[in-house]
Amino acid sequence: MSGRRLDVLRTLQESGEPLSIGEIARRLSVHVNTARFHLEALTGTGQAELVETQPNGPGRPPLKYRAHRGMDPAGPRNYRFLADILTAELAETPDPSATAAEIGRRWGARSTVPPERPMTTAQSVAWLTRMLAELGFEPEPGHGEISLRNCPFLDVVEPHNRVTCGLHLGFMQGAVERAGAALEVTELIPFASPYRCQVAYRPSRRASSG
């Protein structure tokens, strides 16, 4: 963020008290509509907030704004750096694939809400496919397998694919177990072709017809 909007935000941050649109406009020597436009944008991103004020005379009290208290909620982020740190550390464990898969299983189970009714194998495949789609994998179900046309973790797959793929495999296994799905995820084959990964599954002991 730069320019006039940054000026408005800095004015709010440096003020010891909430400011009205008119006060901000006067401090920056801009039209009130310009100040209002940027204040509405800053409020929309959570960088500024509207403050209720008490009337000190007839009529409605003026709207006043203050900067969000704390770090800028719309500031730059670098989750890739965090992912690189964590995957690199996991890669140094004695068995990165097994360690990552166990972490993934715990998270898969923790983040899954079981359906109200038991699922058939076909329903379980459809359920797993929807979950993978929501995570951004662009899945295509087939017989005994689900092809993944996209990897949302691609930026950190190399050089630590044993970690990222292990996490994904474990996550799916934990999720289907927690959901009581009538299938077992047996394998994740990274880059089964240049354009896809492949998830292998089989009916579980819970499987019923359908």
Protein backbone atom coordinates (compact mmCIF):
# COMPACT_ATOMS: atom_id res chain seq x y z
CA MET A 1 0.00 0.00 0.00
CA SER A 2 1.27 3.44 -0.86
CA GLY A 3 0.11 6.95 -1.73
CA ARG A 4 -2.85 8.70 -0.19
CA ARG A 5 -4.31 5.62 1.50
CA LEU A 6 -1.08 5.06 3.36
CA ASP A 7 -1.14 8.73 4.41
CA VAL A 8 -4.63 8.24 5.88
CA LEU A 9 -3.55 5.11 7.74
CA ARG A 10 -0.42 6.78 9.13
CA THR A 11 -2.48 9.77 10.25
CA LEU A 12 -4.77 7.45 12.22
CA GLN A 13 -1.84 5.54 13.70
CA GLU A 14 -0.07 8.68 14.83
CA SER A 15 -3.16 10.26 16.35
CA GLY A 16 -3.72 9.79 20.04
CA GLU A 17 -7.48 9.73 19.57
CA PRO A 18 -10.07 8.76 16.94
CA LEU A 19 -10.46 11.21 14.07
CA SER A 20 -13.45 12.26 12.01
CA ILE A 21 -13.43 12.29 8.23
CA GLY A 22 -13.25 16.06 8.28
CA GLU A 23 -10.29 16.09 10.68
CA ILE A 24 -8.35 13.68 8.48
CA ALA A 25 -9.18 15.68 5.37
CA ARG A 26 -7.92 18.88 7.01
CA ARG A 27 -4.70 17.26 8.23
CA LEU A 28 -3.92 15.90 4.77
CA SER A 29 -5.33 18.88 2.84
CA VAL A 30 -7.61 16.67 0.76
CA HIS A 31 -11.32 16.70 -0.05
CA VAL A 32 -13.56 14.99 2.49
CA ASN A 33 -14.75 12.57 -0.19
CA THR A 34 -11.15 11.50 -0.76
CA ALA A 35 -10.67 10.89 2.95
CA ARG A 36 -13.99 9.03 3.15
CA PHE A 37 -13.08 6.81 0.18
CA HIS A 38 -9.79 5.70 1.72
CA LEU A 39 -11.27 5.28 5.19
CA GLU A 40 -13.95 2.97 3.83
CA ALA A 41 -11.29 0.93 2.06
CA LEU A 42 -9.14 0.73 5.20
CA THR A 43 -12.16 -0.31 7.25
CA GLY A 44 -12.93 -3.03 4.72
CA THR A 45 -9.45 -4.52 5.08
CA GLY A 46 -9.55 -4.31 8.88
CA GLN A 47 -6.78 -1.73 9.03
CA ALA A 48 -9.11 0.93 10.46
CA GLU A 49 -12.22 0.71 12.58
CA LEU A 50 -15.22 2.88 13.24
CA VAL A 51 -15.53 4.21 16.78
CA GLU A 52 -18.80 5.07 18.47
CA THR A 53 -18.78 8.60 19.88
CA GLN A 54 -21.10 10.40 22.23
CA PRO A 55 -23.07 13.43 20.97
CA ASN A 56 -21.90 16.76 22.37
CA GLY A 57 -24.78 18.77 20.98
CA PRO A 58 -27.84 18.50 18.75
CA GLY A 59 -27.74 16.15 15.80
CA ARG A 60 -25.89 12.94 15.16
CA PRO A 61 -22.30 12.67 16.40
CA PRO A 62 -19.66 12.63 13.66
CA LEU A 63 -18.25 9.30 12.55
CA LYS A 64 -14.76 8.78 13.90
CA TYR A 65 -12.08 6.29 12.98
CA ARG A 66 -8.99 4.85 14.55
CA ALA A 67 -6.27 2.53 13.28
CA HIS A 68 -6.54 -1.16 14.05
CA ARG A 69 -4.69 -1.81 17.29
CA GLY A 70 -1.92 -4.28 16.62
CA MET A 71 0.00 -5.47 13.59
CA ASP A 72 -1.40 -4.52 10.20
CA PRO A 73 -3.96 -7.25 9.30
CA ALA A 74 -3.48 -6.46 5.61
CA GLY A 75 0.31 -6.35 5.68
CA PRO A 76 2.54 -8.59 3.55
CA ARG A 77 2.74 -12.28 4.45
CA ASN A 78 5.38 -14.92 3.72
CA TYR A 79 3.89 -18.31 4.51
CA ARG A 80 6.26 -19.89 1.99
CA PHE A 81 9.17 -19.05 4.30
CA LEU A 82 7.38 -20.69 7.22
CA ALA A 83 6.59 -23.77 5.13
CA ASP A 84 10.23 -24.02 4.02
CA ILE A 85 11.44 -23.90 7.62
CA LEU A 86 9.03 -26.57 8.85
CA THR A 87 9.49 -28.96 5.93
CA ALA A 88 13.28 -28.64 6.13
CA GLU A 89 13.22 -29.50 9.83
CA LEU A 90 10.96 -32.51 9.26
CA ALA A 91 13.24 -33.66 6.46
CA GLU A 92 16.07 -33.98 9.00
CA THR A 93 14.21 -36.56 11.11
CA PRO A 94 15.28 -40.23 10.85
CA ASP A 95 12.21 -41.18 8.77
CA PRO A 96 10.69 -38.04 7.23
CA SER A 97 7.90 -39.85 5.37
CA ALA A 98 6.67 -41.74 8.44
CA THR A 99 6.94 -38.70 10.72
CA ALA A 100 5.08 -36.50 8.24
CA ALA A 101 2.40 -39.14 7.67
CA GLU A 102 1.75 -39.44 11.40
CA ILE A 103 1.41 -35.66 11.74
CA GLY A 104 -0.90 -35.66 8.74
CA ARG A 105 -3.08 -38.42 10.21
CA ARG A 106 -3.54 -36.47 13.42
CA TRP A 107 -4.50 -33.31 11.55
CA GLY A 108 -6.77 -35.16 9.17
CA ALA A 109 -8.65 -36.70 12.08
CA ARG A 110 -8.72 -33.42 14.01
CA SER A 111 -10.14 -31.35 11.15
CA THR A 112 -12.78 -33.83 9.94
CA VAL A 113 -16.42 -33.79 11.02
CA PRO A 114 -17.93 -37.28 10.62
CA PRO A 115 -21.09 -37.47 8.51
CA GLU A 116 -24.36 -38.23 10.26
CA ARG A 117 -24.87 -41.54 8.44
CA PRO A 118 -22.53 -44.38 7.42
CA MET A 119 -21.25 -44.13 3.85
CA THR A 120 -21.01 -46.76 1.15
CA THR A 121 -17.76 -47.11 -0.77
CA ALA A 122 -19.13 -44.98 -3.62
CA GLN A 123 -20.29 -42.32 -1.19
CA SER A 124 -16.91 -42.44 0.55
CA VAL A 125 -15.07 -41.87 -2.73
CA ALA A 126 -17.36 -38.93 -3.51
CA TRP A 127 -16.76 -37.53 -0.01
CA LEU A 128 -12.98 -37.83 -0.31
CA THR A 129 -13.08 -36.28 -3.79
CA ARG A 130 -15.02 -33.27 -2.48
CA MET A 131 -12.57 -32.81 0.37
CA LEU A 132 -9.61 -32.88 -2.02
CA ALA A 133 -11.37 -30.40 -4.31
CA GLU A 134 -11.92 -28.01 -1.41
CA LEU A 135 -8.18 -28.20 -0.64
CA GLY A 136 -7.33 -27.30 -4.23
CA PHE A 137 -6.11 -30.63 -5.65
CA GLU A 138 -8.48 -30.71 -8.65
CA PRO A 139 -9.27 -34.43 -8.17
CA GLU A 140 -10.67 -36.78 -10.80
CA PRO A 141 -11.99 -40.06 -9.38
CA GLY A 142 -11.40 -43.33 -11.23
CA HIS A 143 -11.58 -47.04 -10.48
CA GLY A 144 -9.50 -47.60 -7.35
CA GLU A 145 -7.74 -44.29 -7.73
CA ILE A 146 -8.18 -40.53 -7.68
CA SER A 147 -6.02 -38.43 -9.97
CA LEU A 148 -4.82 -35.08 -8.66
CA ARG A 149 -4.36 -32.49 -11.38
CA ASN A 150 -3.02 -29.78 -9.08
CA CYS A 151 -0.83 -29.65 -5.98
CA PRO A 152 -1.44 -26.67 -3.69
CA PHE A 153 1.86 -27.54 -1.96
CA LEU A 154 3.88 -27.52 -5.17
CA ASP A 155 6.14 -24.65 -4.13
CA VAL A 156 7.54 -26.69 -1.22
CA VAL A 157 7.41 -30.18 -2.70
CA GLU A 158 11.04 -30.00 -3.82
CA PRO A 159 13.44 -30.78 -2.29
CA HIS A 160 11.30 -32.19 0.53
CA ASN A 161 8.70 -34.27 -1.28
CA ARG A 162 8.92 -37.03 1.32
CA VAL A 163 7.64 -34.54 3.87
CA THR A 164 4.92 -32.82 1.86
CA CYS A 165 3.63 -35.99 0.23
CA GLY A 166 3.80 -37.83 3.56
CA LEU A 167 1.75 -35.09 5.20
CA HIS A 168 -0.84 -35.28 2.44
CA LEU A 169 -1.08 -39.07 2.55
CA GLY A 170 -1.41 -39.08 6.32
CA PHE A 171 -4.00 -36.32 6.21
CA MET A 172 -6.20 -38.32 3.83
CA GLN A 173 -5.81 -41.47 5.91
CA GLY A 174 -6.70 -39.69 9.14
CA ALA A 175 -9.64 -37.94 7.52
CA VAL A 176 -11.25 -41.06 6.04
CA GLU A 177 -10.75 -42.96 9.28
CA ARG A 178 -12.32 -40.18 11.34
CA ALA A 179 -15.21 -39.94 8.86
CA GLY A 180 -15.86 -43.67 9.09
CA ALA A 181 -15.46 -43.86 5.33
CA ALA A 182 -15.84 -47.26 3.70
CA LEU A 183 -12.43 -47.10 2.08
CA GLU A 184 -8.75 -46.99 2.92
CA VAL A 185 -6.22 -44.69 1.28
CA THR A 186 -3.31 -47.01 0.60
CA GLU A 187 -0.84 -44.96 -1.39
CA LEU A 188 -0.01 -41.55 -2.82
CA ILE A 189 2.09 -41.74 -5.97
CA PRO A 190 3.76 -38.38 -6.62
CA PHE A 191 3.82 -37.39 -10.28
CA ALA A 192 2.46 -40.67 -11.59
CA SER A 193 2.61 -38.77 -14.86
CA PRO A 194 4.11 -35.34 -15.59
CA TYR A 195 0.67 -33.80 -15.08
CA ARG A 196 -0.82 -35.59 -12.10
CA CYS A 197 -0.32 -37.41 -8.82
CA GLN A 198 -2.35 -40.48 -7.97
CA VAL A 199 -4.17 -41.55 -4.82
CA ALA A 200 -4.81 -45.27 -4.53
CA TYR A 201 -7.64 -46.57 -2.36
CA ARG A 202 -9.49 -49.81 -1.64
CA PRO A 203 -12.75 -50.69 0.12
CA SER A 204 -12.35 -51.13 3.85
CA ARG A 205 -13.96 -53.58 6.22
CA ARG A 206 -16.68 -51.00 6.79
CA ALA A 207 -17.63 -51.14 3.10
CA SER A 208 -21.21 -51.98 2.18
CA SER A 209 -22.86 -52.36 -1.18
CA GLY A 210 -23.53 -49.22 -3.25
